């Protein structure tokens, strides 16, 4: 099962994804995509890690800022995860997208980053277990003033659409309240 958890900043997405994983499985693998380059982000990562450690749910943490598709393929081949009924949580797709966009800079960044998204979508569709992806909705605000900001917004929107298309469930969080929205989507 593929689950996409989206919403605005500080809407409760990560906490919900962790609780939902504990509801769905008996153990979890948490794939963290952030690179803690500054003190504020280091503190945020520490709070997330502490929250997982204090829960009764058993988490294995993998930190991977780029090779997400490879990690997912590798986890799909680990028999002990299936035996444990482990649920994978990826937090956060927007951070992962940013990591690629920064790496590519101006060298055909849009096309190359979108190719990474397509590779991830393909890996996810082949994954044999349950995987939850945390992402942000970034297109609800103002149009960014700078070209890189607009490129990021466009890539984020395309990535979220592609992930939602293959997801079995899509949750939108607002003020900490999760709403499952894919089942309510209008179908042509």
N, C-alpha and C. Protein backbone atom coordinates (compact mmCIF):
# COMPACT_ATOMS: atom_id res chain seq x y z
N UNK A 1 0.86 -1.18 0.00
CA UNK A 1 0.00 0.00 0.00
C UNK A 1 0.89 1.23 0.00
N UNK A 2 0.54 2.19 -0.80
CA UNK A 2 1.26 3.46 -0.90
C UNK A 2 0.35 4.55 -0.33
N UNK A 3 0.91 5.34 0.60
CA UNK A 3 0.14 6.40 1.25
C UNK A 3 0.92 7.70 1.10
N UNK A 4 0.24 8.76 0.67
CA UNK A 4 0.84 10.09 0.59
C UNK A 4 0.18 10.95 1.65
N UNK A 5 1.01 11.62 2.46
CA UNK A 5 0.53 12.50 3.52
C UNK A 5 1.02 13.90 3.18
N UNK A 6 0.09 14.81 2.93
CA UNK A 6 0.45 16.15 2.50
C UNK A 6 -0.26 17.20 3.36
N UNK A 7 0.18 18.41 3.22
CA UNK A 7 -0.40 19.52 3.96
C UNK A 7 0.60 20.65 4.05
N UNK A 8 0.23 21.69 4.76
CA UNK A 8 1.11 22.84 4.93
C UNK A 8 2.17 22.60 5.99
N UNK A 9 3.04 23.57 6.13
CA UNK A 9 4.09 23.50 7.14
C UNK A 9 3.48 23.43 8.53
N UNK A 10 4.02 22.57 9.36
CA UNK A 10 3.62 22.42 10.76
C UNK A 10 2.15 22.02 10.91
N UNK A 11 1.64 21.27 9.94
CA UNK A 11 0.24 20.84 9.99
C UNK A 11 0.06 19.51 10.72
N UNK A 12 1.16 18.85 11.11
CA UNK A 12 1.07 17.58 11.82
C UNK A 12 1.31 16.37 10.94
N UNK A 13 1.88 16.56 9.76
CA UNK A 13 2.07 15.49 8.80
C UNK A 13 2.96 14.37 9.34
N UNK A 14 4.11 14.72 9.87
CA UNK A 14 5.07 13.71 10.34
C UNK A 14 4.50 12.91 11.50
N UNK A 15 3.91 13.60 12.44
CA UNK A 15 3.33 12.92 13.61
C UNK A 15 2.23 11.97 13.16
N UNK A 16 1.37 12.43 12.26
CA UNK A 16 0.32 11.57 11.75
C UNK A 16 0.90 10.35 11.05
N UNK A 17 1.90 10.57 10.18
CA UNK A 17 2.49 9.45 9.43
C UNK A 17 3.08 8.42 10.39
N UNK A 18 3.74 8.85 11.44
CA UNK A 18 4.32 7.93 12.42
C UNK A 18 3.23 7.15 13.15
N UNK A 19 2.18 7.83 13.55
CA UNK A 19 1.08 7.15 14.26
C UNK A 19 0.35 6.19 13.32
N UNK A 20 0.16 6.58 12.08
CA UNK A 20 -0.52 5.72 11.12
C UNK A 20 0.33 4.49 10.82
N UNK A 21 1.63 4.67 10.72
CA UNK A 21 2.54 3.53 10.52
C UNK A 21 2.42 2.54 11.67
N UNK A 22 2.37 3.05 12.89
CA UNK A 22 2.23 2.18 14.07
C UNK A 22 0.88 1.45 14.05
N UNK A 23 -0.13 2.10 13.50
CA UNK A 23 -1.45 1.47 13.38
C UNK A 23 -1.44 0.36 12.33
N UNK A 24 -0.65 0.55 11.27
CA UNK A 24 -0.65 -0.39 10.14
C UNK A 24 0.31 -1.56 10.30
N UNK A 25 1.38 -1.37 11.05
CA UNK A 25 2.42 -2.40 11.11
C UNK A 25 2.89 -2.71 12.51
N UNK A 26 3.88 -3.58 12.58
CA UNK A 26 4.43 -3.98 13.87
C UNK A 26 5.80 -3.38 14.13
N UNK A 27 6.43 -2.81 13.11
CA UNK A 27 7.72 -2.14 13.21
C UNK A 27 7.80 -1.13 12.07
N UNK A 28 8.77 -0.24 12.16
CA UNK A 28 8.88 0.78 11.13
C UNK A 28 10.30 1.06 10.72
N UNK A 29 10.43 1.50 9.48
CA UNK A 29 11.69 2.02 8.96
C UNK A 29 11.41 3.47 8.58
N UNK A 30 12.17 4.36 9.17
CA UNK A 30 11.99 5.79 8.95
C UNK A 30 13.13 6.27 8.06
N UNK A 31 12.81 6.72 6.86
CA UNK A 31 13.83 7.24 5.95
C UNK A 31 13.77 8.76 6.03
N UNK A 32 14.83 9.34 6.60
CA UNK A 32 14.93 10.78 6.77
C UNK A 32 15.74 11.36 5.61
N UNK A 33 15.20 12.37 4.95
CA UNK A 33 15.86 12.94 3.78
C UNK A 33 16.59 14.25 4.09
N UNK A 34 16.42 14.80 5.28
CA UNK A 34 17.01 16.10 5.61
C UNK A 34 18.52 15.99 5.80
N UNK A 35 19.19 17.03 5.39
CA UNK A 35 20.61 17.21 5.68
C UNK A 35 20.70 18.38 6.66
N UNK A 36 21.07 18.10 7.87
CA UNK A 36 21.04 19.11 8.94
C UNK A 36 22.28 20.00 8.86
N UNK A 37 22.22 20.99 7.98
CA UNK A 37 23.36 21.88 7.77
C UNK A 37 23.44 23.01 8.79
N UNK A 38 22.32 23.35 9.41
CA UNK A 38 22.35 24.46 10.37
C UNK A 38 21.78 24.02 11.71
N UNK A 39 21.94 24.86 12.70
CA UNK A 39 21.56 24.52 14.07
C UNK A 39 20.04 24.30 14.21
N UNK A 40 19.26 25.14 13.56
CA UNK A 40 17.80 25.00 13.67
C UNK A 40 17.34 23.65 13.12
N UNK A 41 17.89 23.26 11.97
CA UNK A 41 17.49 21.98 11.38
C UNK A 41 18.03 20.81 12.21
N UNK A 42 19.19 20.95 12.79
CA UNK A 42 19.73 19.92 13.68
C UNK A 42 18.80 19.70 14.87
N UNK A 43 18.27 20.78 15.43
CA UNK A 43 17.33 20.68 16.55
C UNK A 43 16.02 20.03 16.11
N UNK A 44 15.54 20.38 14.94
CA UNK A 44 14.30 19.79 14.40
C UNK A 44 14.47 18.28 14.20
N UNK A 45 15.59 17.89 13.61
CA UNK A 45 15.88 16.46 13.40
C UNK A 45 15.95 15.74 14.74
N UNK A 46 16.59 16.37 15.72
CA UNK A 46 16.71 15.76 17.06
C UNK A 46 15.33 15.57 17.70
N UNK A 47 14.43 16.54 17.53
CA UNK A 47 13.07 16.41 18.08
C UNK A 47 12.32 15.26 17.42
N UNK A 48 12.44 15.14 16.10
CA UNK A 48 11.80 14.02 15.39
C UNK A 48 12.35 12.69 15.87
N UNK A 49 13.67 12.61 15.99
CA UNK A 49 14.31 11.37 16.43
C UNK A 49 13.87 11.01 17.85
N UNK A 50 13.83 12.01 18.72
CA UNK A 50 13.42 11.77 20.11
C UNK A 50 11.97 11.30 20.19
N UNK A 51 11.11 11.89 19.38
CA UNK A 51 9.70 11.48 19.37
C UNK A 51 9.57 10.01 18.98
N UNK A 52 10.33 9.59 17.97
CA UNK A 52 10.29 8.18 17.56
C UNK A 52 10.86 7.27 18.65
N UNK A 53 11.93 7.70 19.30
CA UNK A 53 12.54 6.88 20.34
C UNK A 53 11.62 6.72 21.55
N UNK A 54 10.82 7.72 21.83
CA UNK A 54 9.93 7.67 22.99
C UNK A 54 8.64 6.91 22.71
N UNK A 55 8.36 6.61 21.46
CA UNK A 55 7.13 5.88 21.16
C UNK A 55 7.34 4.40 21.46
N UNK A 56 6.26 3.68 21.62
CA UNK A 56 6.33 2.25 21.88
C UNK A 56 6.60 1.46 20.59
N UNK A 57 6.55 2.13 19.48
CA UNK A 57 6.76 1.50 18.17
C UNK A 57 8.26 1.43 17.89
N UNK A 58 8.73 0.32 17.37
CA UNK A 58 10.15 0.10 17.10
C UNK A 58 10.51 0.67 15.73
N UNK A 59 11.43 1.66 15.71
CA UNK A 59 11.85 2.31 14.48
C UNK A 59 13.30 2.00 14.17
N UNK A 60 13.59 1.74 12.91
CA UNK A 60 14.94 1.75 12.36
C UNK A 60 15.02 3.02 11.52
N UNK A 61 16.07 3.80 11.69
CA UNK A 61 16.20 5.05 10.93
C UNK A 61 17.30 4.94 9.89
N UNK A 62 16.97 5.38 8.68
CA UNK A 62 17.94 5.46 7.59
C UNK A 62 17.95 6.92 7.14
N UNK A 63 19.13 7.50 7.09
CA UNK A 63 19.26 8.87 6.61
C UNK A 63 19.77 8.82 5.17
N UNK A 64 18.96 9.32 4.25
CA UNK A 64 19.33 9.28 2.83
C UNK A 64 18.78 10.52 2.12
N UNK A 65 19.65 11.48 1.80
CA UNK A 65 19.17 12.71 1.17
C UNK A 65 18.95 12.62 -0.33
N UNK A 66 19.49 11.60 -1.01
CA UNK A 66 19.38 11.55 -2.47
C UNK A 66 18.87 10.22 -3.01
N UNK A 67 19.50 9.13 -2.68
CA UNK A 67 19.24 7.83 -3.34
C UNK A 67 18.01 7.12 -2.78
N UNK A 68 16.91 7.83 -2.73
CA UNK A 68 15.68 7.31 -2.14
C UNK A 68 15.14 6.11 -2.91
N UNK A 69 15.15 6.16 -4.23
CA UNK A 69 14.65 5.03 -5.03
C UNK A 69 15.48 3.78 -4.76
N UNK A 70 16.79 3.94 -4.66
CA UNK A 70 17.67 2.80 -4.38
C UNK A 70 17.39 2.20 -3.01
N UNK A 71 17.20 3.06 -2.02
CA UNK A 71 16.90 2.57 -0.66
C UNK A 71 15.58 1.82 -0.64
N UNK A 72 14.58 2.34 -1.32
CA UNK A 72 13.27 1.68 -1.35
C UNK A 72 13.38 0.33 -2.05
N UNK A 73 14.11 0.27 -3.16
CA UNK A 73 14.30 -1.02 -3.83
C UNK A 73 15.00 -2.01 -2.89
N UNK A 74 16.02 -1.56 -2.20
CA UNK A 74 16.76 -2.41 -1.27
C UNK A 74 15.88 -2.91 -0.13
N UNK A 75 15.07 -2.01 0.43
CA UNK A 75 14.16 -2.41 1.52
C UNK A 75 13.12 -3.41 1.03
N UNK A 76 12.70 -3.29 -0.22
CA UNK A 76 11.73 -4.21 -0.78
C UNK A 76 12.25 -5.63 -0.89
N UNK A 77 13.55 -5.79 -0.83
CA UNK A 77 14.17 -7.11 -0.92
C UNK A 77 14.52 -7.70 0.44
N UNK A 78 14.28 -6.97 1.51
CA UNK A 78 14.63 -7.46 2.84
C UNK A 78 13.47 -8.28 3.41
N UNK A 79 13.65 -9.58 3.45
CA UNK A 79 12.61 -10.50 3.91
C UNK A 79 12.21 -10.25 5.36
N UNK A 80 13.18 -9.85 6.20
CA UNK A 80 12.85 -9.66 7.61
C UNK A 80 11.87 -8.52 7.83
N UNK A 81 11.84 -7.55 6.91
CA UNK A 81 10.87 -6.46 7.03
C UNK A 81 9.46 -6.97 6.80
N UNK A 82 9.31 -7.85 5.83
CA UNK A 82 7.99 -8.45 5.57
C UNK A 82 7.56 -9.30 6.76
N UNK A 83 8.50 -10.03 7.33
CA UNK A 83 8.18 -10.88 8.49
C UNK A 83 7.77 -10.04 9.70
N UNK A 84 8.39 -8.88 9.85
CA UNK A 84 8.06 -7.98 10.96
C UNK A 84 6.81 -7.15 10.67
N UNK A 85 6.29 -7.25 9.47
CA UNK A 85 5.21 -6.38 9.00
C UNK A 85 5.60 -4.91 9.18
N UNK A 86 6.81 -4.60 8.71
CA UNK A 86 7.34 -3.25 8.85
C UNK A 86 6.70 -2.30 7.85
N UNK A 87 6.49 -1.09 8.31
CA UNK A 87 5.95 -0.01 7.49
C UNK A 87 7.07 1.00 7.30
N UNK A 88 7.22 1.49 6.08
CA UNK A 88 8.24 2.48 5.75
C UNK A 88 7.61 3.87 5.79
N UNK A 89 8.30 4.82 6.42
CA UNK A 89 7.88 6.22 6.39
C UNK A 89 9.03 7.01 5.78
N UNK A 90 8.74 7.77 4.74
CA UNK A 90 9.72 8.66 4.11
C UNK A 90 9.34 10.09 4.47
N UNK A 91 10.24 10.78 5.13
CA UNK A 91 9.98 12.14 5.59
C UNK A 91 11.20 13.00 5.26
N UNK A 92 11.17 13.78 4.27
CA UNK A 92 10.06 14.37 3.57
C UNK A 92 10.42 14.45 2.08
N UNK A 93 9.44 14.26 1.21
CA UNK A 93 9.67 14.33 -0.23
C UNK A 93 10.08 15.72 -0.69
N UNK A 94 9.54 16.75 -0.08
CA UNK A 94 9.91 18.12 -0.48
C UNK A 94 11.38 18.39 -0.18
N UNK A 95 11.85 17.91 0.97
CA UNK A 95 13.26 18.08 1.31
C UNK A 95 14.12 17.29 0.32
N UNK A 96 13.71 16.07 0.01
CA UNK A 96 14.43 15.23 -0.96
C UNK A 96 14.49 15.95 -2.32
N UNK A 97 13.38 16.50 -2.77
CA UNK A 97 13.34 17.23 -4.04
C UNK A 97 14.30 18.42 -4.00
N UNK A 98 14.31 19.14 -2.90
CA UNK A 98 15.21 20.28 -2.73
C UNK A 98 16.67 19.83 -2.81
N UNK A 99 16.98 18.70 -2.18
CA UNK A 99 18.35 18.18 -2.22
C UNK A 99 18.82 17.98 -3.66
N UNK A 100 17.94 17.40 -4.49
CA UNK A 100 18.31 17.18 -5.90
C UNK A 100 18.41 18.50 -6.66
N UNK A 101 17.48 19.38 -6.42
CA UNK A 101 17.48 20.66 -7.14
C UNK A 101 18.76 21.44 -6.82
N UNK A 102 19.17 21.43 -5.58
CA UNK A 102 20.41 22.12 -5.19
C UNK A 102 21.62 21.43 -5.81
N UNK A 103 21.61 20.11 -5.84
CA UNK A 103 22.74 19.39 -6.42
C UNK A 103 22.90 19.70 -7.90
N UNK A 104 21.80 19.76 -8.62
CA UNK A 104 21.87 20.02 -10.06
C UNK A 104 22.08 21.48 -10.39
N UNK A 105 21.73 22.38 -9.49
CA UNK A 105 21.80 23.82 -9.70
C UNK A 105 21.20 24.20 -11.04
N UNK A 106 21.98 24.77 -11.92
CA UNK A 106 21.44 25.25 -13.20
C UNK A 106 21.71 24.30 -14.37
N UNK A 107 22.26 23.13 -14.10
CA UNK A 107 22.59 22.18 -15.16
C UNK A 107 21.36 21.34 -15.51
N UNK A 108 20.45 21.92 -16.30
CA UNK A 108 19.21 21.23 -16.67
C UNK A 108 18.50 20.72 -15.42
N UNK A 109 18.44 21.55 -14.41
CA UNK A 109 17.93 21.14 -13.10
C UNK A 109 16.50 20.62 -13.17
N UNK A 110 15.64 21.27 -13.94
CA UNK A 110 14.24 20.84 -14.00
C UNK A 110 14.13 19.42 -14.53
N UNK A 111 14.72 19.17 -15.68
CA UNK A 111 14.61 17.86 -16.32
C UNK A 111 15.27 16.77 -15.48
N UNK A 112 16.44 17.07 -14.94
CA UNK A 112 17.18 16.06 -14.18
C UNK A 112 16.47 15.75 -12.86
N UNK A 113 15.91 16.77 -12.22
CA UNK A 113 15.19 16.53 -10.96
C UNK A 113 13.90 15.76 -11.24
N UNK A 114 13.21 16.12 -12.30
CA UNK A 114 11.98 15.40 -12.65
C UNK A 114 12.28 13.94 -12.99
N UNK A 115 13.43 13.68 -13.58
CA UNK A 115 13.83 12.29 -13.85
C UNK A 115 14.02 11.51 -12.54
N UNK A 116 14.52 12.17 -11.51
CA UNK A 116 14.65 11.53 -10.20
C UNK A 116 13.27 11.20 -9.63
N UNK A 117 12.32 12.11 -9.81
CA UNK A 117 10.94 11.87 -9.37
C UNK A 117 10.38 10.65 -10.08
N UNK A 118 10.56 10.58 -11.38
CA UNK A 118 10.05 9.44 -12.15
C UNK A 118 10.68 8.13 -11.69
N UNK A 119 11.98 8.15 -11.40
CA UNK A 119 12.65 6.95 -10.90
C UNK A 119 12.06 6.53 -9.55
N UNK A 120 11.80 7.51 -8.69
CA UNK A 120 11.20 7.20 -7.39
C UNK A 120 9.80 6.60 -7.56
N UNK A 121 8.98 7.18 -8.41
CA UNK A 121 7.63 6.67 -8.64
C UNK A 121 7.69 5.22 -9.13
N UNK A 122 8.61 4.92 -10.03
CA UNK A 122 8.76 3.55 -10.52
C UNK A 122 9.16 2.60 -9.40
N UNK A 123 10.09 3.02 -8.55
CA UNK A 123 10.53 2.17 -7.43
C UNK A 123 9.38 1.93 -6.45
N UNK A 124 8.59 2.95 -6.21
CA UNK A 124 7.47 2.84 -5.27
C UNK A 124 6.42 1.86 -5.79
N UNK A 125 6.15 1.91 -7.07
CA UNK A 125 5.14 1.02 -7.64
C UNK A 125 5.54 -0.45 -7.54
N UNK A 126 6.82 -0.73 -7.47
CA UNK A 126 7.30 -2.11 -7.34
C UNK A 126 7.48 -2.54 -5.89
N UNK A 127 7.29 -1.63 -4.94
CA UNK A 127 7.54 -1.95 -3.54
C UNK A 127 6.46 -2.91 -3.02
N UNK A 128 6.87 -4.01 -2.38
CA UNK A 128 5.89 -5.03 -1.98
C UNK A 128 5.14 -4.76 -0.69
N UNK A 129 5.56 -3.77 0.09
CA UNK A 129 4.94 -3.55 1.40
C UNK A 129 4.19 -2.24 1.48
N UNK A 130 4.10 -1.73 2.70
CA UNK A 130 3.41 -0.47 2.96
C UNK A 130 4.44 0.64 3.14
N UNK A 131 4.20 1.73 2.43
CA UNK A 131 5.13 2.86 2.49
C UNK A 131 4.33 4.16 2.54
N UNK A 132 4.70 5.02 3.48
CA UNK A 132 4.05 6.32 3.65
C UNK A 132 5.05 7.41 3.28
N UNK A 133 4.60 8.37 2.51
CA UNK A 133 5.43 9.51 2.10
C UNK A 133 4.85 10.79 2.69
N UNK A 134 5.70 11.57 3.33
CA UNK A 134 5.32 12.87 3.85
C UNK A 134 5.80 13.91 2.84
N UNK A 135 4.93 14.85 2.49
CA UNK A 135 5.29 15.92 1.57
C UNK A 135 4.57 17.19 1.98
N UNK A 136 4.89 18.29 1.34
CA UNK A 136 4.23 19.57 1.62
C UNK A 136 3.48 20.04 0.40
N UNK A 137 2.39 20.72 0.64
CA UNK A 137 1.69 21.43 -0.42
C UNK A 137 2.32 22.82 -0.49
N UNK A 138 2.92 23.14 -1.63
CA UNK A 138 3.60 24.43 -1.75
C UNK A 138 2.94 25.36 -2.76
N UNK A 139 1.95 24.90 -3.47
CA UNK A 139 1.35 25.71 -4.52
C UNK A 139 0.17 26.55 -4.09
N UNK A 140 -0.14 26.56 -2.80
CA UNK A 140 -1.30 27.32 -2.34
C UNK A 140 -0.98 28.78 -2.04
N UNK A 141 0.29 29.15 -2.10
CA UNK A 141 0.68 30.50 -1.75
C UNK A 141 0.89 31.39 -2.97
N UNK A 142 1.68 32.40 -2.78
CA UNK A 142 2.00 33.34 -3.85
C UNK A 142 2.91 32.69 -4.89
N UNK A 143 2.91 33.22 -6.08
CA UNK A 143 3.84 32.78 -7.10
C UNK A 143 5.22 33.30 -6.70
N UNK A 144 6.22 32.42 -6.59
CA UNK A 144 7.55 32.88 -6.19
C UNK A 144 8.09 33.94 -7.15
N UNK A 145 8.85 34.87 -6.61
CA UNK A 145 9.36 35.99 -7.38
C UNK A 145 10.52 35.60 -8.30
N UNK A 146 11.28 34.59 -7.90
CA UNK A 146 12.50 34.24 -8.63
C UNK A 146 12.32 32.95 -9.43
N UNK A 147 13.05 32.80 -10.53
CA UNK A 147 12.92 31.61 -11.39
C UNK A 147 13.16 30.29 -10.63
N UNK A 148 14.16 30.24 -9.76
CA UNK A 148 14.42 29.01 -9.02
C UNK A 148 13.25 28.65 -8.11
N UNK A 149 12.64 29.66 -7.50
CA UNK A 149 11.47 29.42 -6.65
C UNK A 149 10.29 28.89 -7.45
N UNK A 150 10.08 29.44 -8.65
CA UNK A 150 9.00 28.96 -9.50
C UNK A 150 9.29 27.54 -9.98
N UNK A 151 10.56 27.25 -10.30
CA UNK A 151 10.94 25.90 -10.71
C UNK A 151 10.67 24.91 -9.58
N UNK A 152 11.06 25.29 -8.36
CA UNK A 152 10.82 24.43 -7.20
C UNK A 152 9.33 24.18 -7.01
N UNK A 153 8.53 25.24 -7.06
CA UNK A 153 7.08 25.10 -6.88
C UNK A 153 6.49 24.19 -7.94
N UNK A 154 6.91 24.35 -9.19
CA UNK A 154 6.39 23.52 -10.28
C UNK A 154 6.81 22.06 -10.12
N UNK A 155 8.07 21.83 -9.77
CA UNK A 155 8.55 20.46 -9.57
C UNK A 155 7.82 19.80 -8.39
N UNK A 156 7.62 20.56 -7.31
CA UNK A 156 6.92 20.01 -6.14
C UNK A 156 5.49 19.63 -6.51
N UNK A 157 4.83 20.48 -7.26
CA UNK A 157 3.47 20.16 -7.68
C UNK A 157 3.41 18.93 -8.56
N UNK A 158 4.33 18.83 -9.51
CA UNK A 158 4.36 17.65 -10.39
C UNK A 158 4.68 16.38 -9.60
N UNK A 159 5.65 16.48 -8.68
CA UNK A 159 6.00 15.32 -7.86
C UNK A 159 4.80 14.87 -7.03
N UNK A 160 4.14 15.80 -6.38
CA UNK A 160 2.99 15.44 -5.55
C UNK A 160 1.87 14.83 -6.39
N UNK A 161 1.64 15.35 -7.59
CA UNK A 161 0.62 14.77 -8.46
C UNK A 161 0.98 13.35 -8.86
N UNK A 162 2.23 13.13 -9.21
CA UNK A 162 2.65 11.79 -9.64
C UNK A 162 2.60 10.79 -8.48
N UNK A 163 2.99 11.23 -7.31
CA UNK A 163 2.93 10.33 -6.15
C UNK A 163 1.46 10.05 -5.77
N UNK A 164 0.63 11.06 -5.82
CA UNK A 164 -0.78 10.87 -5.49
C UNK A 164 -1.45 9.93 -6.49
N UNK A 165 -1.03 9.98 -7.74
CA UNK A 165 -1.62 9.11 -8.77
C UNK A 165 -1.37 7.64 -8.48
N UNK A 166 -0.21 7.30 -7.90
CA UNK A 166 0.09 5.89 -7.63
C UNK A 166 -0.27 5.49 -6.20
N UNK A 167 -0.61 6.47 -5.37
CA UNK A 167 -0.94 6.18 -3.97
C UNK A 167 -2.32 5.54 -3.85
N UNK A 168 -2.44 4.64 -2.88
CA UNK A 168 -3.74 4.05 -2.56
C UNK A 168 -4.57 4.98 -1.70
N UNK A 169 -3.88 5.73 -0.84
CA UNK A 169 -4.53 6.71 0.02
C UNK A 169 -3.74 8.00 -0.02
N UNK A 170 -4.45 9.13 0.04
CA UNK A 170 -3.82 10.44 0.15
C UNK A 170 -4.51 11.16 1.29
N UNK A 171 -3.72 11.58 2.27
CA UNK A 171 -4.25 12.33 3.40
C UNK A 171 -3.80 13.78 3.29
N UNK A 172 -4.72 14.69 3.55
CA UNK A 172 -4.43 16.11 3.64
C UNK A 172 -4.59 16.50 5.09
N UNK A 173 -3.53 17.11 5.66
CA UNK A 173 -3.60 17.55 7.05
C UNK A 173 -3.74 19.05 7.12
N UNK A 174 -4.68 19.49 7.92
CA UNK A 174 -4.88 20.91 8.21
C UNK A 174 -5.11 21.02 9.71
N UNK A 175 -4.31 21.86 10.37
CA UNK A 175 -4.42 22.07 11.82
C UNK A 175 -4.38 20.75 12.59
N UNK A 176 -3.57 19.82 12.12
CA UNK A 176 -3.42 18.53 12.79
C UNK A 176 -4.53 17.53 12.53
N UNK A 177 -5.46 17.88 11.67
CA UNK A 177 -6.59 17.00 11.38
C UNK A 177 -6.38 16.35 10.02
N UNK A 178 -6.27 15.00 10.00
CA UNK A 178 -6.07 14.31 8.72
C UNK A 178 -7.40 13.99 8.04
N UNK A 179 -7.45 14.28 6.75
CA UNK A 179 -8.61 13.92 5.94
C UNK A 179 -8.12 13.06 4.79
N UNK A 180 -8.70 11.88 4.60
CA UNK A 180 -8.33 11.03 3.47
C UNK A 180 -9.09 11.57 2.27
N UNK A 181 -8.36 12.00 1.24
CA UNK A 181 -9.02 12.70 0.13
C UNK A 181 -9.04 11.92 -1.18
N UNK A 182 -8.20 10.93 -1.35
CA UNK A 182 -8.18 10.24 -2.65
C UNK A 182 -9.48 9.48 -2.89
N UNK A 183 -10.03 8.89 -1.85
CA UNK A 183 -11.28 8.15 -2.01
C UNK A 183 -12.45 9.07 -2.39
N UNK A 184 -12.28 10.35 -2.17
CA UNK A 184 -13.34 11.32 -2.47
C UNK A 184 -13.10 12.04 -3.78
N UNK A 185 -12.02 11.68 -4.49
CA UNK A 185 -11.67 12.37 -5.72
C UNK A 185 -12.73 12.15 -6.79
N UNK A 186 -12.99 13.18 -7.55
CA UNK A 186 -13.90 13.10 -8.67
C UNK A 186 -13.25 12.25 -9.76
N UNK A 187 -14.00 11.32 -10.31
CA UNK A 187 -13.48 10.44 -11.36
C UNK A 187 -14.21 10.73 -12.67
N UNK A 188 -13.46 10.84 -13.73
CA UNK A 188 -14.05 11.05 -15.06
C UNK A 188 -14.45 9.72 -15.63
